[in-house]
Protein backbone atom coordinates (compact mmCIF):
# COMPACT_ATOMS: atom_id res chain seq x y z
CA MET A 1 0.63 8.41 34.07
CA THR A 2 -2.15 6.47 32.40
CA THR A 3 -1.65 4.84 29.08
CA SER A 4 -4.54 4.34 26.70
CA TRP A 5 -4.02 1.91 23.83
CA TYR A 6 -6.11 2.17 20.68
CA ALA A 7 -6.54 -0.17 17.72
CA VAL A 8 -5.55 1.71 14.56
CA HIS A 9 -7.07 0.66 11.23
CA THR A 10 -4.50 1.21 8.47
CA GLN A 11 -4.67 1.52 4.73
CA THR A 12 -4.16 -1.66 2.72
CA HIS A 13 -0.59 -2.99 3.10
CA ALA A 14 0.41 0.21 4.94
CA GLU A 15 0.92 -1.15 8.45
CA ALA A 16 4.69 -0.53 8.43
CA LYS A 17 4.27 2.97 7.01
CA ALA A 18 1.65 3.85 9.63
CA LEU A 19 3.87 2.42 12.39
CA GLU A 20 6.86 4.45 11.25
CA ASN A 21 4.86 7.68 11.03
CA LEU A 22 3.22 7.20 14.44
CA LEU A 23 6.61 6.59 16.04
CA ARG A 24 7.98 9.69 14.32
CA GLN A 25 5.15 11.74 15.88
CA GLY A 26 6.06 10.55 19.39
CA TYR A 27 3.36 7.93 19.90
CA ARG A 28 4.21 4.51 21.24
CA ALA A 29 3.00 2.05 18.64
CA TYR A 30 3.07 -1.70 18.30
CA LEU A 31 2.57 -3.83 15.20
CA PRO A 32 2.20 -7.52 16.12
CA ARG A 33 3.89 -9.71 13.50
CA CYS A 34 4.35 -13.38 12.77
CA ARG A 35 6.87 -15.29 10.69
CA THR A 36 5.41 -17.37 7.91
CA TRP A 37 6.42 -19.13 4.72
CA VAL A 38 5.70 -17.21 1.53
CA SER A 39 5.84 -18.71 -1.96
CA HIS A 40 6.80 -16.43 -4.81
CA ALA A 41 8.20 -17.30 -8.23
CA ARG A 42 8.56 -20.97 -7.25
CA ARG A 43 10.67 -20.05 -4.22
CA ARG A 44 9.69 -20.33 -0.58
CA GLN A 45 11.11 -17.92 1.95
CA ILE A 46 10.35 -16.73 5.45
CA ALA A 47 8.54 -13.39 5.68
CA LEU A 48 7.47 -11.21 8.59
CA ARG A 49 3.75 -10.44 8.19
CA PRO A 50 1.28 -8.47 10.33
CA LEU A 51 -0.60 -10.70 12.75
CA PHE A 52 -3.74 -8.62 12.21
CA PRO A 53 -3.66 -7.34 8.61
CA ARG A 54 -4.55 -3.62 8.44
CA TYR A 55 -4.37 -3.15 12.24
CA LEU A 56 -1.80 -2.01 14.79
CA PHE A 57 -1.90 -0.50 18.27
CA ALA A 58 -1.02 3.07 19.30
CA ALA A 59 -0.65 4.36 22.87
CA VAL A 60 -1.45 7.82 24.13
CA ASP A 61 0.76 8.26 27.22
CA GLU A 62 0.72 11.87 28.34
CA PRO A 63 -2.39 13.69 29.54
CA GLY A 64 -1.77 16.44 26.96
CA MET A 65 -1.35 13.98 24.11
CA ARG A 66 -4.38 13.75 21.84
CA TRP A 67 -5.67 10.85 19.79
CA ARG A 68 -7.05 12.97 16.92
CA PRO A 69 -3.66 13.54 15.19
CA ILE A 70 -3.46 9.78 14.71
CA LEU A 71 -6.29 10.11 12.18
CA SER A 72 -4.23 12.32 9.86
CA THR A 73 -1.12 10.12 9.97
CA PHE A 74 0.07 8.73 6.63
CA GLY A 75 -0.94 5.10 6.36
CA VAL A 76 -3.76 5.37 8.92
CA SER A 77 -7.34 4.93 7.79
CA ASP A 78 -9.20 5.31 11.10
CA LEU A 79 -9.36 4.20 14.72
CA VAL A 80 -11.61 1.41 15.93
CA ARG A 81 -14.42 3.30 17.60
CA ALA A 82 -17.31 2.85 19.98
CA GLY A 83 -19.65 5.58 18.79
CA ASP A 84 -17.79 8.84 18.23
CA ARG A 85 -14.85 8.06 20.49
CA PRO A 86 -12.07 5.54 19.89
CA ALA A 87 -12.45 2.30 21.80
CA ALA A 88 -9.59 1.77 24.23
CA VAL A 89 -7.86 -1.59 24.21
CA PRO A 90 -6.85 -2.77 27.70
CA ALA A 91 -3.08 -2.60 28.20
CA GLU A 92 -3.18 -6.21 29.46
CA VAL A 93 -4.44 -7.37 26.05
CA VAL A 94 -1.63 -5.56 24.21
CA GLU A 95 0.98 -6.93 26.63
CA ALA A 96 -0.43 -10.46 26.32
CA ILE A 97 -0.19 -10.27 22.51
CA ARG A 98 3.35 -8.91 22.77
CA GLY A 99 4.35 -11.73 25.14
CA ARG A 100 2.86 -14.42 22.90
CA GLU A 101 4.64 -12.90 19.88
CA GLU A 102 7.99 -12.99 21.70
CA GLU A 103 7.39 -16.67 22.53
CA GLY A 104 6.86 -17.33 18.82
CA ALA A 105 3.31 -18.56 19.40
CA PHE A 106 2.01 -16.95 16.21
CA ASN A 107 4.77 -18.16 13.89
CA GLY A 108 3.61 -20.52 11.16
CA LEU A 109 7.02 -21.79 10.16
CA ASP A 110 6.61 -25.49 10.84
CA PRO A 111 3.67 -26.82 8.84
CA ARG A 112 4.21 -30.23 10.41
CA ARG A 113 3.12 -28.86 13.78
CA THR A 114 -0.54 -28.98 12.78
CA LEU A 115 -0.50 -31.99 10.44
CA GLN A 116 -1.40 -35.49 11.51
CA PRO A 117 -0.69 -38.80 9.76
CA GLY A 118 -3.51 -39.69 7.40
CA GLU A 119 -4.21 -36.11 6.29
CA LEU A 120 -3.96 -34.92 2.71
CA VAL A 121 -0.96 -32.68 2.04
CA ARG A 122 0.23 -30.65 -0.93
CA ILE A 123 3.89 -30.56 -1.90
CA THR A 124 4.88 -26.95 -2.56
CA THR A 125 8.20 -27.23 -4.44
CA GLY A 126 10.57 -29.68 -6.05
CA ALA A 127 10.03 -32.54 -8.47
CA PHE A 128 6.65 -33.37 -6.90
CA GLY A 129 5.55 -29.71 -6.69
CA ASP A 130 1.75 -29.20 -6.56
CA MET A 131 1.08 -32.93 -6.09
CA VAL A 132 -1.32 -34.01 -3.38
CA GLY A 133 -0.61 -37.08 -1.25
CA ARG A 134 -1.45 -38.63 2.09
CA LEU A 135 0.86 -38.00 5.04
CA VAL A 136 2.11 -41.32 6.40
CA GLU A 137 4.76 -40.40 8.96
CA LEU A 138 6.50 -37.44 10.62
CA ASN A 139 10.18 -38.14 11.35
CA ASP A 140 12.19 -36.40 14.05
CA ASN A 141 14.88 -35.11 11.68
CA ASP A 142 12.62 -32.70 9.70
CA ARG A 143 11.56 -35.35 7.19
CA VAL A 144 8.10 -36.63 6.30
CA ILE A 145 6.88 -39.66 4.41
CA VAL A 146 4.06 -39.01 1.96
CA LEU A 147 2.10 -41.58 -0.04
CA LEU A 148 1.77 -40.35 -3.65
CA ASP A 149 -0.25 -41.78 -6.50
CA LEU A 150 2.19 -42.06 -9.43
CA LEU A 151 1.29 -43.87 -12.65
CA GLY A 152 -1.55 -45.72 -10.99
CA ARG A 153 0.57 -46.96 -8.05
CA SER A 154 0.95 -45.72 -4.51
CA VAL A 155 4.57 -44.71 -3.90
CA ARG A 156 6.14 -43.68 -0.58
CA ALA A 157 8.26 -40.54 -0.87
CA GLN A 158 10.50 -39.17 1.87
CA LEU A 159 10.54 -35.35 1.70
CA ALA A 160 11.73 -32.33 3.67
CA GLY A 161 9.07 -31.29 6.14
CA ASN A 162 9.13 -27.63 5.12
CA ILE A 163 7.86 -28.27 1.59
CA ILE A 164 4.45 -29.64 2.55
CA GLU A 165 1.27 -27.90 3.61
CA ALA A 166 -2.30 -28.97 4.28
CA ALA A 167 -4.17 -29.69 1.06
């Protein structure tokens, strides 16, 4: 049995709806996701977001299974095509993405992972919320030291590492 994977272009913010409806129709479908911090109403929380906004993958497994019904699925806008036919995505690519997702390679939870001392950072919440400072040090116990300009003086502030992001 040969499996053909296709990239499905979804309607705006309808990836989960398209995934659910494709699964309901008997297709194998995969929506790569990543965990990320989201700020809303002065609160930060972890959210699961699509890795490729407006895209997911659908597999056609059986020889009698057709790709055209995918086009009329709620939440689906179109298939990525090469001419008139949908462009197949190699199964190795889909499996590689799935493996990297399971390893957590796409998660953006630790902003300190990409920051280096000397870079400008923005504080997202707390008493220093929305202030910009220079990162001085990354501590092992999830703390950072940031140099802030307060009242014309440079002040060192020790903060939680999850409340800073690149400025």
